[in-house]
Every structure is written in structure tokens, then in C-alpha cells.
Amino acid sequence: MSKLAVITPSYGPDSELFTELHRSVLRHTSDDTVHHVIVPTADKTVFSRFESPRCRIWTEPELLSGRYARIPGTGLWVNLRRPWPPVRGWVIQQALKIAAAGIVDADVVLLLDSDVVLVRPTDVKSFTSDGKLCLYRVADGVHAGMERHVRWHQVARDLLGLPPVTELPLDDYVSSLNFWDPAVVRAMQQRITEVTGRPWMDAFNAQLHISEFILYGVYVDEIVGATAERPPSNTSICHNRWDRTPLDLAAALAFAERLNPSAIGMMISAKSKTPWDVRLAAVERCDQVAGA
């Protein structure tokens, strides 16, 4: 068993982003760290050039139950046992991350979106404190104005058999770079199955609004945390730029200059449509700052 594995869902249009991410994984993680990329079947050939002992390519059907089928020409899926409502692609993507995290042979899984890059050496110690795996947790980060986050909390509590949300604020667990314990993921899957009486994946995919990160965070803090000390928080692990407006070169370099001394990753949202040369300049500058 390796100590660390990396998981990234991606698809053809993001292959250029994935190229930079994978290059950073090879550079900043140990030789026994495998990067698991999950892609649509139609895009497997696009990603085949990355396949190696350090990159395992999974197609979506390999991780889904055989009863799931993609609706041609759409981003929707159906559970053939319960075809209505169809499952949205972003829900399936979350389920795929949970499925992969439960089966990889590693102590810790690092979940990275395609628009993240690693900028410093990364191993299990990057996510542990006093020998305990940390949790990405922003205390009281969810307030009444964040309706989607509040709904994600409620859905997570329903799936886990916990009392409903009664008070705000709530903790936030959503990040572009996250880290999970595969053994905890498997226990969470089992809990969902026991509570709902359905296979965990079917119960998860039946939700119209859900967050895999909030589900995992609530499970760790309120189920595991009910009988053990809550894990320490780590929220400075990635230098994020979520804004959907494009960066120019000056703004991108200024963003890179602000890299936190403890950050091992940086992210400029792909939805910002920042020009490729500007993005690469920011990555290069982050590498320089990290190595200073």
C-alpha cells in the first residue's frame, strides 16, 4: 500500500489543464504515488498518453454500477432501476470520486480538480498534524445567505441519519484540493447504505443537490467525531482564485506572489477563462515563490 494517491475527474476539453496538473503531481509527490484520473469512455484515448505506473486511467463505467447509463448527447445519466429523475453529470462526478476514494490502495487520497497544480513537495505529512489526518474545515463558514451550502448540509444529514439543520452558521468543507481517508470513505458508504436501505451510490445519485465534500466533512465531524476527537483543521493548503473573471498578466503574477507559505497547491478557476499563457506565468511564479 502506498501512503498517498491522487484522484482527479477530468474530460477531453480539460486535458491541457490536466497536463500541467499531472506534471506537478509527478514532480512533487513520491515515486509510489499514483495519479488516478477518471474520464468519460469517449475521452480515454485523449488521456492514454498519460498512462504509466504512476497514472491509472479509469473510465466512468468502471466505477459506476452497471445499472447506470449515460443519455446520449447530454450530460445526464439514468439509474435503469429508477430512471426518473435523471442524474446530472456533476452529481455523477462526485459519486465517482467517492467510489474511487473507497477502492484505491493508499493511506490518504488527495482530491484535485483539473485546474489545480501542486507547487511544493507533497506527502501524507502535508495533511497531518501530530500524526492525525486533518480535515479541510472552515469553522462557521456557511451562513444563511449560502442557500446551496445549507441545502447540501441538510442532504448530508439526511443520508447519514442525523437530525436536521436547526442553527446557523455551519462549517464549510468545500475546496478544490481536499484530502480523505479511504477507510473513512468506506465506512461512510456503509453508513449511507444502512440509513437509506439502498446502495450508497443510488442514494447519493438520487439527490438533486449534494456536495461530496460536505457529506464527508459532516460524517467525519459528527459520526466519527461522536466517539473520537475531531480532527484538526487545515484550510491554508491551497492558494485559490475562485473568481470567474479572467486574470491579466499583472493580476496573475500578483496573485502568485500571495502564495501562502504553507500552501502546497494553487488554483485559478478554469471558469475564469484566464488566457493559457497568463495561467502558465502564474504557475511558474508560484513555483518560484514556493522555492524561495
Protein backbone atom coordinates (compact mmCIF):
# COMPACT_ATOMS: atom_id res chain seq x y z
CA MET A 1 0.00 0.00 0.00
CA SER A 2 1.27 3.47 -0.89
CA LYS A 3 0.84 6.30 1.56
CA LEU A 4 -0.70 8.77 -0.90
CA ALA A 5 -2.87 8.53 -4.02
CA VAL A 6 -4.23 11.38 -6.12
CA ILE A 7 -7.71 11.40 -7.70
CA THR A 8 -8.86 13.77 -10.46
CA PRO A 9 -12.06 13.63 -12.53
CA SER A 10 -11.46 15.18 -15.94
CA TYR A 11 -12.59 15.13 -19.57
CA GLY A 12 -11.29 15.93 -23.03
CA PRO A 13 -11.64 19.74 -23.03
CA ASP A 14 -9.66 19.88 -19.76
CA SER A 15 -6.79 17.70 -20.99
CA GLU A 16 -4.48 20.70 -21.32
CA LEU A 17 -5.16 21.66 -17.71
CA PHE A 18 -4.67 18.05 -16.67
CA THR A 19 -1.28 18.00 -18.40
CA GLU A 20 0.01 20.72 -16.07
CA LEU A 21 -1.61 19.15 -13.02
CA HIS A 22 -0.16 15.72 -13.76
CA ARG A 23 3.27 17.18 -14.41
CA SER A 24 3.13 18.81 -10.97
CA VAL A 25 2.00 15.54 -9.34
CA LEU A 26 4.97 13.69 -10.87
CA ARG A 27 7.30 16.46 -9.74
CA HIS A 28 6.06 16.97 -6.19
CA THR A 29 5.00 13.51 -4.98
CA SER A 30 6.93 10.31 -4.32
CA ASP A 31 7.58 7.64 -6.92
CA ASP A 32 4.96 5.33 -5.39
CA THR A 33 2.17 7.94 -5.63
CA VAL A 34 -0.33 7.03 -8.35
CA HIS A 35 -2.48 9.66 -10.04
CA HIS A 36 -5.94 8.23 -10.76
CA VAL A 37 -7.81 10.14 -13.48
CA ILE A 38 -11.50 9.42 -14.12
CA VAL A 39 -12.75 10.24 -17.63
CA PRO A 40 -15.70 9.55 -19.93
CA THR A 41 -15.23 6.45 -22.07
CA ALA A 42 -15.14 8.60 -25.21
CA ASP A 43 -12.17 10.56 -23.83
CA LYS A 44 -9.99 7.63 -22.80
CA THR A 45 -7.85 7.90 -25.94
CA VAL A 46 -7.21 11.59 -25.21
CA PHE A 47 -5.74 10.64 -21.82
CA SER A 48 -4.00 7.43 -22.89
CA ARG A 49 -0.70 9.29 -23.31
CA PHE A 50 -0.57 9.81 -19.54
CA GLU A 51 -0.97 6.13 -18.68
CA SER A 52 2.03 4.79 -16.77
CA PRO A 53 2.86 3.08 -13.47
CA ARG A 54 2.14 6.49 -11.91
CA CYS A 55 -1.09 7.25 -13.78
CA ARG A 56 -4.13 4.97 -13.77
CA ILE A 57 -6.92 5.91 -16.17
CA TRP A 58 -10.43 4.95 -15.13
CA THR A 59 -13.44 5.28 -17.38
CA GLU A 60 -16.65 6.30 -15.67
CA PRO A 61 -18.44 2.95 -16.21
CA GLU A 62 -15.59 1.12 -14.44
CA LEU A 63 -16.52 2.87 -11.20
CA LEU A 64 -20.28 3.04 -11.67
CA SER A 65 -22.72 0.24 -11.16
CA GLY A 66 -23.74 -1.42 -14.43
CA ARG A 67 -27.26 -0.13 -13.95
CA TYR A 68 -26.16 3.43 -14.80
CA ALA A 69 -26.26 4.59 -18.40
CA ARG A 70 -25.39 7.92 -19.99
CA ILE A 71 -28.12 9.58 -22.04
CA PRO A 72 -26.50 10.13 -25.48
CA GLY A 73 -25.84 13.74 -26.40
CA THR A 74 -26.39 15.04 -22.88
CA GLY A 75 -24.54 15.35 -19.59
CA LEU A 76 -27.24 13.27 -17.90
CA TRP A 77 -27.27 9.70 -16.64
CA VAL A 78 -30.08 7.36 -15.62
CA ASN A 79 -30.28 4.68 -13.00
CA LEU A 80 -32.03 1.98 -15.02
CA ARG A 81 -33.79 0.75 -11.89
CA ARG A 82 -35.19 4.22 -11.14
CA PRO A 83 -34.87 6.24 -14.35
CA TRP A 84 -36.62 9.35 -13.07
CA PRO A 85 -35.31 11.87 -12.36
CA PRO A 86 -32.14 11.55 -14.43
CA VAL A 87 -28.82 12.10 -12.66
CA ARG A 88 -26.93 15.26 -13.50
CA GLY A 89 -23.33 14.90 -14.61
CA TRP A 90 -21.87 16.90 -11.74
CA VAL A 91 -23.61 14.57 -9.25
CA ILE A 92 -22.19 11.52 -11.04
CA GLN A 93 -18.74 13.14 -10.94
CA GLN A 94 -18.99 13.47 -7.17
CA ALA A 95 -20.14 9.85 -6.81
CA LEU A 96 -17.18 8.75 -8.94
CA LYS A 97 -14.76 10.49 -6.57
CA ILE A 98 -16.33 8.74 -3.58
CA ALA A 99 -16.23 5.39 -5.38
CA ALA A 100 -12.58 5.78 -6.39
CA ALA A 101 -11.54 7.01 -2.93
CA GLY A 102 -13.06 3.89 -1.41
CA ILE A 103 -11.05 1.44 -3.51
CA VAL A 104 -7.60 2.97 -4.03
CA ASP A 105 -4.76 1.26 -2.19
CA ALA A 106 -3.41 4.17 -0.14
CA ASP A 107 -3.48 5.64 3.34
CA VAL A 108 -4.68 9.04 2.15
CA VAL A 109 -6.29 10.23 -1.09
CA LEU A 110 -5.71 13.73 -2.38
CA LEU A 111 -8.65 15.01 -4.45
CA LEU A 112 -7.61 17.59 -7.04
CA ASP A 113 -9.63 19.36 -9.71
CA SER A 114 -8.01 19.71 -13.14
CA ASP A 115 -7.37 23.43 -12.64
CA VAL A 116 -5.18 22.81 -9.56
CA VAL A 117 -1.40 22.40 -9.67
CA LEU A 118 0.95 21.33 -6.90
CA VAL A 119 3.71 23.83 -6.18
CA ARG A 120 5.54 22.25 -3.23
CA PRO A 121 6.61 18.72 -2.22
CA THR A 122 3.51 16.83 -1.14
CA ASP A 123 3.12 13.74 1.01
CA VAL A 124 0.85 12.47 3.78
CA LYS A 125 2.63 14.72 6.26
CA SER A 126 1.26 17.69 4.31
CA PHE A 127 -2.21 16.81 5.60
CA THR A 128 -1.45 15.55 9.10
CA SER A 129 -0.90 17.17 12.46
CA ASP A 130 0.52 15.22 15.41
CA GLY A 131 0.03 12.06 13.38
CA LYS A 132 -3.68 12.73 12.72
CA LEU A 133 -5.16 13.36 9.28
CA CYS A 134 -6.51 16.90 9.13
CA LEU A 135 -9.86 17.94 7.68
CA TYR A 136 -10.50 20.88 5.39
CA ARG A 137 -12.93 22.76 7.60
CA VAL A 138 -13.80 26.46 7.66
CA ALA A 139 -15.44 26.95 11.03
CA ASP A 140 -18.80 28.74 10.74
CA GLY A 141 -18.13 29.25 7.04
CA VAL A 142 -21.72 28.62 5.94
CA HIS A 143 -24.24 31.37 6.74
CA ALA A 144 -27.91 31.91 5.94
CA GLY A 145 -27.12 33.64 2.65
CA MET A 146 -25.42 30.50 1.30
CA GLU A 147 -28.60 28.62 0.45
CA ARG A 148 -26.93 25.89 -1.61
CA HIS A 149 -24.44 25.11 1.13
CA VAL A 150 -27.21 24.96 3.72
CA ARG A 151 -29.14 22.56 1.48
CA TRP A 152 -26.01 20.42 0.99
CA HIS A 153 -25.69 20.18 4.76
CA GLN A 154 -29.31 19.10 5.10
CA VAL A 155 -28.97 16.46 2.39
CA ALA A 156 -25.79 15.12 4.00
CA ARG A 157 -27.56 14.85 7.34
CA ASP A 158 -30.50 13.03 5.76
CA LEU A 159 -28.19 10.48 4.10
CA LEU A 160 -26.25 9.95 7.32
CA GLY A 161 -29.29 9.66 9.57
CA LEU A 162 -28.54 12.82 11.56
CA PRO A 163 -31.02 15.38 12.95
CA PRO A 164 -31.91 18.25 10.59
CA VAL A 165 -30.12 21.57 10.48
CA THR A 166 -31.55 23.83 13.18
CA GLU A 167 -28.94 26.52 13.69
CA LEU A 168 -26.58 28.58 11.57
CA PRO A 169 -23.73 29.15 10.86
CA LEU A 170 -22.36 25.76 9.81
CA ASP A 171 -18.87 24.58 8.95
CA ASP A 172 -17.77 24.59 5.32
CA TYR A 173 -15.78 21.68 3.88
CA VAL A 174 -15.69 22.59 0.17
CA SER A 175 -12.30 23.06 -1.50
CA SER A 176 -10.63 22.49 -4.88
CA LEU A 177 -7.94 20.49 -3.04
CA ASN A 178 -9.14 18.05 -0.42
CA PHE A 179 -7.81 15.02 1.42
CA TRP A 180 -9.69 11.95 2.63
CA ASP A 181 -9.04 8.73 4.50
CA PRO A 182 -10.14 5.79 2.28
CA ALA A 183 -11.13 3.72 5.33
CA VAL A 184 -13.40 6.55 6.47
CA VAL A 185 -14.87 6.81 2.97
CA ARG A 186 -15.77 3.11 3.04
CA ALA A 187 -17.37 3.48 6.47
CA MET A 188 -19.34 6.48 5.18
CA GLN A 189 -20.58 4.45 2.22
CA GLN A 190 -21.74 1.71 4.57
CA ARG A 191 -23.49 4.25 6.82
CA ILE A 192 -25.46 5.66 3.88
CA THR A 193 -26.50 2.16 2.82
CA GLU A 194 -27.66 1.32 6.34
CA VAL A 195 -29.58 4.58 6.81
CA THR A 196 -31.30 4.64 3.41
CA GLY A 197 -31.73 0.92 2.78
CA ARG A 198 -30.29 1.45 -0.71
CA PRO A 199 -26.81 1.03 -2.21
CA TRP A 200 -24.91 4.15 -1.21
CA MET A 201 -24.37 5.20 -4.81
CA ASP A 202 -28.07 5.01 -5.62
CA ALA A 203 -28.98 7.02 -2.52
CA PHE A 204 -26.32 9.62 -3.34
CA ASN A 205 -27.23 9.93 -7.02
CA ALA A 206 -30.92 10.31 -6.22
CA GLN A 207 -30.20 13.76 -4.76
CA LEU A 208 -30.74 16.83 -6.89
CA HIS A 209 -28.45 18.95 -4.71
CA ILE A 210 -25.47 17.46 -2.91
CA SER A 211 -21.81 18.07 -2.07
CA GLU A 212 -19.40 15.19 -1.62
CA PHE A 213 -17.09 17.37 0.48
CA ILE A 214 -19.81 18.45 2.89
CA LEU A 215 -21.02 14.86 3.13
CA TYR A 216 -17.54 13.64 4.07
CA GLY A 217 -16.94 16.54 6.45
CA VAL A 218 -20.22 16.07 8.29
CA TYR A 219 -19.53 12.34 8.55
CA VAL A 220 -16.07 12.90 10.00
CA ASP A 221 -17.13 15.60 12.44
CA GLU A 222 -20.46 14.22 13.61
CA ILE A 223 -20.30 10.43 13.16
CA VAL A 224 -16.62 9.69 13.70
CA GLY A 225 -16.35 12.73 15.95
CA ALA A 226 -19.08 11.42 18.22
CA THR A 227 -16.71 8.79 19.59
CA ALA A 228 -13.30 10.34 18.91
CA GLU A 229 -11.65 13.73 18.93
CA ARG A 230 -12.47 15.85 15.91
CA PRO A 231 -9.51 16.10 13.54
CA PRO A 232 -7.53 19.34 13.30
CA SER A 233 -8.43 21.74 10.51
CA ASN A 234 -6.21 22.73 7.60
CA THR A 235 -7.53 25.47 5.31
CA SER A 236 -4.30 27.03 4.05
CA ILE A 237 -3.29 24.06 1.94
CA CYS A 238 -4.29 25.58 -1.44
CA HIS A 239 -3.99 29.10 -2.83
CA ASN A 240 -7.36 29.59 -4.58
CA ARG A 241 -8.73 32.09 -7.03
CA TRP A 242 -12.45 31.29 -7.50
CA ASP A 243 -13.48 34.48 -9.34
CA ARG A 244 -14.88 33.77 -12.80
CA THR A 245 -13.39 36.87 -14.42
CA PRO A 246 -10.15 36.40 -16.41
CA LEU A 247 -6.81 37.50 -15.00
CA ASP A 248 -4.36 39.61 -16.97
CA LEU A 249 -0.63 39.03 -16.56
CA ALA A 250 -0.10 41.64 -13.84
CA ALA A 251 -3.04 40.39 -11.76
CA ALA A 252 -1.98 36.76 -12.21
CA LEU A 253 1.56 37.45 -11.03
CA ALA A 254 0.24 39.45 -8.08
CA PHE A 255 -1.99 36.50 -7.17
CA ALA A 256 1.00 34.15 -7.35
CA GLU A 257 3.06 36.46 -5.14
CA ARG A 258 0.50 36.00 -2.36
CA LEU A 259 1.11 32.23 -2.16
CA ASN A 260 0.73 31.14 1.46
CA PRO A 261 3.93 29.70 2.98
CA SER A 262 2.03 26.52 3.92
CA ALA A 263 0.18 26.04 0.61
CA ILE A 264 1.17 23.01 -1.45
CA GLY A 265 -1.22 23.82 -4.31
CA MET A 266 -2.65 26.71 -6.28
CA MET A 267 -5.85 27.04 -8.30
CA ILE A 268 -7.06 29.58 -10.82
CA SER A 269 -10.61 28.60 -11.72
CA ALA A 270 -10.92 27.28 -15.27
CA LYS A 271 -14.26 29.11 -15.40
CA SER A 272 -12.35 32.41 -15.26
CA LYS A 273 -11.15 31.72 -18.83
CA THR A 274 -7.77 33.20 -17.94
CA PRO A 275 -5.55 33.06 -21.06
CA TRP A 276 -3.31 30.00 -21.14
CA ASP A 277 -0.04 31.93 -21.26
CA VAL A 278 -1.16 34.01 -18.27
CA ARG A 279 -2.08 30.88 -16.31
CA LEU A 280 1.32 29.32 -17.04
CA ALA A 281 3.07 32.51 -15.95
CA ALA A 282 1.18 32.39 -12.63
CA VAL A 283 2.11 28.73 -12.14
CA GLU A 284 5.76 29.46 -12.86
CA ARG A 285 5.76 32.38 -10.43
CA CYS A 286 4.10 30.24 -7.73
CA ASP A 287 6.84 27.66 -8.24
CA GLN A 288 9.43 30.39 -7.76
CA VAL A 289 7.75 31.74 -4.63
CA ALA A 290 7.39 28.21 -3.23
CA GLY A 291 11.05 27.51 -3.82
CA ALA A 292 12.28 30.78 -2.34
